[in-house]
Amino acid sequence: MCIRVQYAPIGSARPYDAATQTIALPTGLDRERTVTAVRAILSELAVPQPQFGARCFCGEPLDLAPRIPQQRTGEQAVTHGA
């Protein structure tokens, strides 16, 4: 897979960085909106997309799962070290 997907706060990264071949998406998107956003960016880059999912330039499916889960900041998580 040539293109990577990263999650970042809105405005902190460009939607597509050609130097690192990285697509930046806002944190907190649900699965459906994540796939739609990635497909839209790839379509702007003239990368043909299948009917379902998202594919890289090379044809490999993109891994759209966040690498690091959202940090828990609730009182119970802070108190008990979850």
PDB file of N, CA and C in Angstrom:
ATOM      1  N   MET A   1       0.859  -1.173   0.000  1.00  0.00           N
ATOM      2  CA  MET A   1       0.000   0.000   0.000  1.00  0.00           C
ATOM      3  C   MET A   1       0.903   1.233   0.000  1.00  0.00           C
ATOM      4  N   CYS A   2       0.637   2.138  -0.905  1.00  0.00           N
ATOM      5  CA  CYS A   2       1.445   3.348  -1.057  1.00  0.00           C
ATOM      6  C   CYS A   2       0.923   4.505  -0.202  1.00  0.00           C
ATOM      7  N   ILE A   3      -0.390   4.644  -0.106  1.00  0.00           N
ATOM      8  CA  ILE A   3      -0.999   5.766   0.612  1.00  0.00           C
ATOM      9  C   ILE A   3      -1.350   5.336   2.027  1.00  0.00           C
ATOM     10  N   ARG A   4      -1.053   6.216   2.983  1.00  0.00           N
ATOM     11  CA  ARG A   4      -1.415   5.981   4.377  1.00  0.00           C
ATOM     12  C   ARG A   4      -2.493   6.983   4.780  1.00  0.00           C
ATOM     13  N   VAL A   5      -3.248   6.622   5.791  1.00  0.00           N
ATOM     14  CA  VAL A   5      -4.288   7.498   6.323  1.00  0.00           C
ATOM     15  C   VAL A   5      -3.922   7.826   7.764  1.00  0.00           C
ATOM     16  N   GLN A   6      -3.980   9.116   8.101  1.00  0.00           N
ATOM     17  CA  GLN A   6      -3.730   9.532   9.479  1.00  0.00           C
ATOM     18  C   GLN A   6      -4.916  10.366   9.954  1.00  0.00           C
ATOM     19  N   TYR A   7      -5.118  10.384  11.238  1.00  0.00           N
ATOM     20  CA  TYR A   7      -6.190  11.167  11.834  1.00  0.00           C
ATOM     21  C   TYR A   7      -5.554  12.316  12.603  1.00  0.00           C
ATOM     22  N   ALA A   8      -6.045  13.534  12.327  1.00  0.00           N
ATOM     23  CA  ALA A   8      -5.464  14.734  12.930  1.00  0.00           C
ATOM     24  C   ALA A   8      -6.571  15.759  13.155  1.00  0.00           C
ATOM     25  N   PRO A   9      -6.365  16.691  14.088  1.00  0.00           N
ATOM     26  CA  PRO A   9      -7.353  17.755  14.290  1.00  0.00           C
ATOM     27  C   PRO A   9      -7.555  18.557  13.001  1.00  0.00           C
ATOM     28  N   ILE A  10      -8.762  19.050  12.812  1.00  0.00           N
ATOM     29  CA  ILE A  10      -9.093  19.821  11.614  1.00  0.00           C
ATOM     30  C   ILE A  10      -8.165  21.020  11.493  1.00  0.00           C
ATOM     31  N   GLY A  11      -7.620  21.217  10.302  1.00  0.00           N
ATOM     32  CA  GLY A  11      -6.754  22.351  10.026  1.00  0.00           C
ATOM     33  C   GLY A  11      -5.289  22.146  10.377  1.00  0.00           C
ATOM     34  N   SER A  12      -4.946  21.005  10.988  1.00  0.00           N
ATOM     35  CA  SER A  12      -3.552  20.793  11.378  1.00  0.00           C
ATOM     36  C   SER A  12      -2.729  20.125  10.276  1.00  0.00           C
ATOM     37  N   ALA A  13      -3.389  19.585   9.263  1.00  0.00           N
ATOM     38  CA  ALA A  13      -2.682  18.933   8.165  1.00  0.00           C
ATOM     39  C   ALA A  13      -3.475  19.107   6.880  1.00  0.00           C
ATOM     40  N   ARG A  14      -2.760  19.094   5.760  1.00  0.00           N
ATOM     41  CA  ARG A  14      -3.438  19.164   4.459  1.00  0.00           C
ATOM     42  C   ARG A  14      -4.171  17.852   4.207  1.00  0.00           C
ATOM     43  N   PRO A  15      -5.262  17.885   3.412  1.00  0.00           N
ATOM     44  CA  PRO A  15      -5.985  16.640   3.139  1.00  0.00           C
ATOM     45  C   PRO A  15      -5.102  15.565   2.501  1.00  0.00           C
ATOM     46  N   TYR A  16      -4.176  15.965   1.608  1.00  0.00           N
ATOM     47  CA  TYR A  16      -3.255  15.003   1.020  1.00  0.00           C
ATOM     48  C   TYR A  16      -1.868  15.616   0.975  1.00  0.00           C
ATOM     49  N   ASP A  17      -0.894  14.909   1.508  1.00  0.00           N
ATOM     50  CA  ASP A  17       0.496  15.353   1.485  1.00  0.00           C
ATOM     51  C   ASP A  17       1.243  14.439   0.521  1.00  0.00           C
ATOM     52  N   ALA A  18       1.632  14.992  -0.629  1.00  0.00           N
ATOM     53  CA  ALA A  18       2.297  14.199  -1.662  1.00  0.00           C
ATOM     54  C   ALA A  18       3.673  13.712  -1.228  1.00  0.00           C
ATOM     55  N   ALA A  19       4.362  14.486  -0.402  1.00  0.00           N
ATOM     56  CA  ALA A  19       5.704  14.102   0.037  1.00  0.00           C
ATOM     57  C   ALA A  19       5.688  12.818   0.870  1.00  0.00           C
ATOM     58  N   THR A  20       4.681  12.678   1.715  1.00  0.00           N
ATOM     59  CA  THR A  20       4.583  11.491   2.573  1.00  0.00           C
ATOM     60  C   THR A  20       3.502  10.526   2.094  1.00  0.00           C
ATOM     61  N   GLN A  21       2.800  10.875   1.046  1.00  0.00           N
ATOM     62  CA  GLN A  21       1.675  10.101   0.515  1.00  0.00           C
ATOM     63  C   GLN A  21       0.695   9.736   1.627  1.00  0.00           C
ATOM     64  N   THR A  22       0.280  10.779   2.357  1.00  0.00           N
ATOM     65  CA  THR A  22      -0.609  10.598   3.501  1.00  0.00           C
ATOM     66  C   THR A  22      -1.884  11.406   3.319  1.00  0.00           C
ATOM     67  N   ILE A  23      -3.010  10.770   3.581  1.00  0.00           N
ATOM     68  CA  ILE A  23      -4.302  11.448   3.613  1.00  0.00           C
ATOM     69  C   ILE A  23      -4.609  11.740   5.071  1.00  0.00           C
ATOM     70  N   ALA A  24      -4.932  12.987   5.377  1.00  0.00           N
ATOM     71  CA  ALA A  24      -5.264  13.380   6.748  1.00  0.00           C
ATOM     72  C   ALA A  24      -6.773  13.559   6.876  1.00  0.00           C
ATOM     73  N   LEU A  25      -7.344  12.906   7.861  1.00  0.00           N
ATOM     74  CA  LEU A  25      -8.777  12.997   8.136  1.00  0.00           C
ATOM     75  C   LEU A  25      -8.991  13.526   9.543  1.00  0.00           C
ATOM     76  N   PRO A  26     -10.107  14.224   9.768  1.00  0.00           N
ATOM     77  CA  PRO A  26     -10.394  14.695  11.121  1.00  0.00           C
ATOM     78  C   PRO A  26     -10.663  13.519  12.058  1.00  0.00           C
ATOM     79  N   THR A  27     -10.242  13.657  13.301  1.00  0.00           N
ATOM     80  CA  THR A  27     -10.519  12.612  14.283  1.00  0.00           C
ATOM     81  C   THR A  27     -12.018  12.582  14.574  1.00  0.00           C
ATOM     82  N   GLY A  28     -12.506  11.426  14.917  1.00  0.00           N
ATOM     83  CA  GLY A  28     -13.903  11.292  15.315  1.00  0.00           C
ATOM     84  C   GLY A  28     -14.882  11.013  14.193  1.00  0.00           C
ATOM     85  N   LEU A  29     -14.399  10.835  12.951  1.00  0.00           N
ATOM     86  CA  LEU A  29     -15.320  10.502  11.858  1.00  0.00           C
ATOM     87  C   LEU A  29     -15.817   9.074  12.032  1.00  0.00           C
ATOM     88  N   ASP A  30     -17.091   8.844  11.739  1.00  0.00           N
ATOM     89  CA  ASP A  30     -17.578   7.469  11.768  1.00  0.00           C
ATOM     90  C   ASP A  30     -17.102   6.743  10.511  1.00  0.00           C
ATOM     91  N   ARG A  31     -17.277   5.449  10.463  1.00  0.00           N
ATOM     92  CA  ARG A  31     -16.764   4.608   9.365  1.00  0.00           C
ATOM     93  C   ARG A  31     -17.269   5.074   8.001  1.00  0.00           C
ATOM     94  N   GLU A  32     -18.558   5.354   7.894  1.00  0.00           N
ATOM     95  CA  GLU A  32     -19.143   5.741   6.608  1.00  0.00           C
ATOM     96  C   GLU A  32     -18.543   7.051   6.093  1.00  0.00           C
ATOM     97  N   ARG A  33     -18.418   8.032   6.948  1.00  0.00           N
ATOM     98  CA  ARG A  33     -17.858   9.326   6.526  1.00  0.00           C
ATOM     99  C   ARG A  33     -16.361   9.225   6.241  1.00  0.00           C
ATOM    100  N   THR A  34     -15.681   8.340   6.941  1.00  0.00           N
ATOM    101  CA  THR A  34     -14.257   8.126   6.683  1.00  0.00           C
ATOM    102  C   THR A  34     -14.058   7.606   5.269  1.00  0.00           C
ATOM    103  N   VAL A  35     -14.805   6.586   4.900  1.00  0.00           N
ATOM    104  CA  VAL A  35     -14.687   6.014   3.557  1.00  0.00           C
ATOM    105  C   VAL A  35     -15.063   7.056   2.504  1.00  0.00           C
ATOM    106  N   THR A  36     -16.124   7.819   2.745  1.00  0.00           N
ATOM    107  CA  THR A  36     -16.551   8.855   1.793  1.00  0.00           C
ATOM    108  C   THR A  36     -15.469   9.912   1.616  1.00  0.00           C
ATOM    109  N   ALA A  37     -14.864  10.361   2.709  1.00  0.00           N
ATOM    110  CA  ALA A  37     -13.825  11.391   2.638  1.00  0.00           C
ATOM    111  C   ALA A  37     -12.588  10.885   1.895  1.00  0.00           C
ATOM    112  N   VAL A  38     -12.169   9.679   2.201  1.00  0.00           N
ATOM    113  CA  VAL A  38     -10.990   9.120   1.528  1.00  0.00           C
ATOM    114  C   VAL A  38     -11.258   8.946   0.042  1.00  0.00           C
ATOM    115  N   ARG A  39     -12.420   8.431  -0.297  1.00  0.00           N
ATOM    116  CA  ARG A  39     -12.766   8.251  -1.715  1.00  0.00           C
ATOM    117  C   ARG A  39     -12.817   9.589  -2.443  1.00  0.00           C
ATOM    118  N   ALA A  40     -13.318  10.627  -1.790  1.00  0.00           N
ATOM    119  CA  ALA A  40     -13.380  11.950  -2.412  1.00  0.00           C
ATOM    120  C   ALA A  40     -11.977  12.487  -2.690  1.00  0.00           C
ATOM    121  N   ILE A  41     -11.078  12.339  -1.726  1.00  0.00           N
ATOM    122  CA  ILE A  41      -9.701  12.806  -1.913  1.00  0.00           C
ATOM    123  C   ILE A  41      -9.025  12.013  -3.028  1.00  0.00           C
ATOM    124  N   LEU A  42      -9.196  10.691  -3.028  1.00  0.00           N
ATOM    125  CA  LEU A  42      -8.586   9.870  -4.062  1.00  0.00           C
ATOM    126  C   LEU A  42      -9.169  10.171  -5.442  1.00  0.00           C
ATOM    127  N   SER A  43     -10.445  10.477  -5.509  1.00  0.00           N
ATOM    128  CA  SER A  43     -11.057  10.850  -6.789  1.00  0.00           C
ATOM    129  C   SER A  43     -10.464  12.145  -7.321  1.00  0.00           C
ATOM    130  N   GLU A  44     -10.189  13.095  -6.433  1.00  0.00           N
ATOM    131  CA  GLU A  44      -9.533  14.344  -6.844  1.00  0.00           C
ATOM    132  C   GLU A  44      -8.129  14.076  -7.376  1.00  0.00           C
ATOM    133  N   LEU A  45      -7.501  13.016  -6.898  1.00  0.00           N
ATOM    134  CA  LEU A  45      -6.166  12.630  -7.359  1.00  0.00           C
ATOM    135  C   LEU A  45      -6.221  11.699  -8.565  1.00  0.00           C
ATOM    136  N   ALA A  46      -7.417  11.475  -9.108  1.00  0.00           N
ATOM    137  CA  ALA A  46      -7.653  10.631 -10.285  1.00  0.00           C
ATOM    138  C   ALA A  46      -7.273   9.165 -10.051  1.00  0.00           C
ATOM    139  N   VAL A  47      -7.528   8.685  -8.836  1.00  0.00           N
ATOM    140  CA  VAL A  47      -7.298   7.277  -8.512  1.00  0.00           C
ATOM    141  C   VAL A  47      -8.643   6.563  -8.645  1.00  0.00           C
ATOM    142  N   PRO A  48      -8.769   5.621  -9.601  1.00  0.00           N
ATOM    143  CA  PRO A  48     -10.045   4.918  -9.765  1.00  0.00           C
ATOM    144  C   PRO A  48     -10.423   4.155  -8.497  1.00  0.00           C
ATOM    145  N   GLN A  49     -11.689   4.214  -8.128  1.00  0.00           N
ATOM    146  CA  GLN A  49     -12.175   3.572  -6.915  1.00  0.00           C
ATOM    147  C   GLN A  49     -13.191   2.484  -7.256  1.00  0.00           C
ATOM    148  N   PRO A  50     -13.178   1.380  -6.483  1.00  0.00           N
ATOM    149  CA  PRO A  50     -14.180   0.341  -6.685  1.00  0.00           C
ATOM    150  C   PRO A  50     -15.542   0.814  -6.171  1.00  0.00           C
ATOM    151  N   GLN A  51     -16.540  -0.007  -6.370  1.00  0.00           N
ATOM    152  CA  GLN A  51     -17.880   0.361  -5.908  1.00  0.00           C
ATOM    153  C   GLN A  51     -17.927   0.510  -4.390  1.00  0.00           C
ATOM    154  N   PHE A  52     -17.183  -0.329  -3.676  1.00  0.00           N
ATOM    155  CA  PHE A  52     -17.166  -0.290  -2.213  1.00  0.00           C
ATOM    156  C   PHE A  52     -15.730  -0.175  -1.716  1.00  0.00           C
ATOM    157  N   GLY A  53     -15.547   0.505  -0.588  1.00  0.00           N
ATOM    158  CA  GLY A  53     -14.222   0.641  -0.004  1.00  0.00           C
ATOM    159  C   GLY A  53     -13.394   1.713  -0.692  1.00  0.00           C
ATOM    160  N   ALA A  54     -12.105   1.730  -0.382  1.00  0.00           N
ATOM    161  CA  ALA A  54     -11.176   2.693  -0.964  1.00  0.00           C
ATOM    162  C   ALA A  54      -9.887   1.966  -1.314  1.00  0.00           C
ATOM    163  N   ARG A  55      -9.330   2.300  -2.460  1.00  0.00           N
ATOM    164  CA  ARG A  55      -8.112   1.642  -2.937  1.00  0.00           C
ATOM    165  C   ARG A  55      -7.015   2.656  -3.196  1.00  0.00           C
ATOM    166  N   CYS A  56      -5.786   2.217  -2.963  1.00  0.00           N
ATOM    167  CA  CYS A  56      -4.579   3.012  -3.173  1.00  0.00           C
ATOM    168  C   CYS A  56      -4.275   3.118  -4.678  1.00  0.00           C
ATOM    169  N   PHE A  57      -3.257   3.904  -5.014  1.00  0.00           N
ATOM    170  CA  PHE A  57      -2.770   3.983  -6.394  1.00  0.00           C
ATOM    171  C   PHE A  57      -2.417   2.596  -6.928  1.00  0.00           C
ATOM    172  N   CYS A  58      -1.819   1.775  -6.054  1.00  0.00           N
ATOM    173  CA  CYS A  58      -1.333   0.450  -6.460  1.00  0.00           C
ATOM    174  C   CYS A  58      -2.446  -0.600  -6.535  1.00  0.00           C
ATOM    175  N   GLY A  59      -3.652  -0.267  -6.068  1.00  0.00           N
ATOM    176  CA  GLY A  59      -4.769  -1.199  -6.112  1.00  0.00           C
ATOM    177  C   GLY A  59      -5.061  -1.903  -4.796  1.00  0.00           C
ATOM    178  N   GLU A  60      -4.183  -1.746  -3.806  1.00  0.00           N
ATOM    179  CA  GLU A  60      -4.401  -2.354  -2.498  1.00  0.00           C
ATOM    180  C   GLU A  60      -5.504  -1.611  -1.740  1.00  0.00           C
ATOM    181  N   PRO A  61      -6.333  -2.331  -0.960  1.00  0.00           N
ATOM    182  CA  PRO A  61      -7.336  -1.642  -0.136  1.00  0.00           C
ATOM    183  C   PRO A  61      -6.645  -0.826   0.962  1.00  0.00           C
ATOM    184  N   LEU A  62      -7.201   0.344   1.263  1.00  0.00           N
ATOM    185  CA  LEU A  62      -6.640   1.202   2.305  1.00  0.00           C
ATOM    186  C   LEU A  62      -7.133   0.771   3.676  1.00  0.00           C
ATOM    187  N   ASP A  63      -6.241   0.831   4.656  1.00  0.00           N
ATOM    188  CA  ASP A  63      -6.587   0.544   6.046  1.00  0.00           C
ATOM    189  C   ASP A  63      -7.097   1.848   6.654  1.00  0.00           C
ATOM    190  N   LEU A  64      -8.375   1.922   6.947  1.00  0.00           N
ATOM    191  CA  LEU A  64      -8.985   3.155   7.443  1.00  0.00           C
ATOM    192  C   LEU A  64      -9.224   3.145   8.944  1.00  0.00           C
ATOM    193  N   ALA A  65      -8.717   2.145   9.644  1.00  0.00           N
ATOM    194  CA  ALA A  65      -8.889   2.078  11.094  1.00  0.00           C
ATOM    195  C   ALA A  65      -7.883   2.994  11.776  1.00  0.00           C
ATOM    196  N   PRO A  66      -8.311   3.753  12.774  1.00  0.00           N
ATOM    197  CA  PRO A  66      -7.353   4.590  13.508  1.00  0.00           C
ATOM    198  C   PRO A  66      -6.312   3.709  14.202  1.00  0.00           C
ATOM    199  N   ARG A  67      -5.072   4.147  14.193  1.00  0.00           N
ATOM    200  CA  ARG A  67      -3.985   3.394  14.831  1.00  0.00           C
ATOM    201  C   ARG A  67      -4.028   3.520  16.348  1.00  0.00           C
ATOM    202  N   ILE A  68      -4.381   4.689  16.838  1.00  0.00           N
ATOM    203  CA  ILE A  68      -4.409   4.935  18.281  1.00  0.00           C
ATOM    204  C   ILE A  68      -5.834   5.318  18.661  1.00  0.00           C
ATOM    205  N   PRO A  69      -6.481   4.574  19.554  1.00  0.00           N
ATOM    206  CA  PRO A  69      -7.860   4.918  19.930  1.00  0.00           C
ATOM    207  C   PRO A  69      -7.916   6.252  20.664  1.00  0.00           C
ATOM    208  N   GLN A  70      -9.085   6.860  20.625  1.00  0.00           N
ATOM    209  CA  GLN A  70      -9.290   8.113  21.348  1.00  0.00           C
ATOM    210  C   GLN A  70      -8.997   7.906  22.823  1.00  0.00           C
ATOM    211  N   GLN A  71      -8.293   8.814  23.432  1.00  0.00           N
ATOM    212  CA  GLN A  71      -7.933   8.694  24.840  1.00  0.00           C
ATOM    213  C   GLN A  71      -9.149   8.956  25.719  1.00  0.00           C
ATOM    214  N   ARG A  72      -9.307   8.132  26.726  1.00  0.00           N
ATOM    215  CA  ARG A  72     -10.399   8.317  27.661  1.00  0.00           C
ATOM    216  C   ARG A  72      -9.980   9.345  28.694  1.00  0.00           C
ATOM    217  N   THR A  73     -10.860  10.303  28.937  1.00  0.00           N
ATOM    218  CA  THR A  73     -10.522  11.351  29.904  1.00  0.00           C
ATOM    219  C   THR A  73     -11.573  11.487  30.991  1.00  0.00           C
ATOM    220  N   GLY A  74     -12.499  10.547  31.058  1.00  0.00           N
ATOM    221  CA  GLY A  74     -13.528  10.607  32.085  1.00  0.00           C
ATOM    222  C   GLY A  74     -12.927  10.434  33.469  1.00  0.00           C
ATOM    223  N   GLU A  75     -13.634  10.834  34.485  1.00  0.00           N
ATOM    224  CA  GLU A  75     -13.148  10.762  35.868  1.00  0.00           C
ATOM    225  C   GLU A  75     -12.771   9.344  36.267  1.00  0.00           C
ATOM    226  N   GLN A  76     -13.587   8.366  35.865  1.00  0.00           N
ATOM    227  CA  GLN A  76     -13.296   6.988  36.236  1.00  0.00           C
ATOM    228  C   GLN A  76     -11.998   6.511  35.581  1.00  0.00           C
ATOM    229  N   ALA A  77     -11.780   6.860  34.320  1.00  0.00           N
ATOM    230  CA  ALA A  77     -10.554   6.452  33.630  1.00  0.00           C
ATOM    231  C   ALA A  77      -9.339   7.103  34.268  1.00  0.00           C
ATOM    232  N   VAL A  78      -9.438   8.351  34.667  1.00  0.00           N
ATOM    233  CA  VAL A  78      -8.322   9.053  35.300  1.00  0.00           C
ATOM    234  C   VAL A  78      -8.039   8.468  36.670  1.00  0.00           C
ATOM    235  N   THR A  79      -9.072   8.198  37.430  1.00  0.00           N
ATOM    236  CA  THR A  79      -8.921   7.692  38.790  1.00  0.00           C
ATOM    237  C   THR A  79      -8.371   6.266  38.809  1.00  0.00           C
ATOM    238  N   HIS A  80      -8.882   5.421  37.927  1.00  0.00           N
ATOM    239  CA  HIS A  80      -8.535   4.003  37.952  1.00  0.00           C
ATOM    240  C   HIS A  80      -7.438   3.640  36.951  1.00  0.00           C
ATOM    241  N   GLY A  81      -6.971   4.590  36.176  1.00  0.00           N
ATOM    242  CA  GLY A  81      -5.889   4.337  35.250  1.00  0.00           C
ATOM    243  C   GLY A  81      -6.259   3.457  34.073  1.00  0.00           C
ATOM    244  N   ALA A  82      -7.460   3.609  33.564  1.00  0.00           N
ATOM    245  CA  ALA A  82      -7.897   2.779  32.446  1.00  0.00           C
ATOM    246  C   ALA A  82      -7.260   3.198  31.170  1.00  0.00           C
TER     247      ALA A  82
END
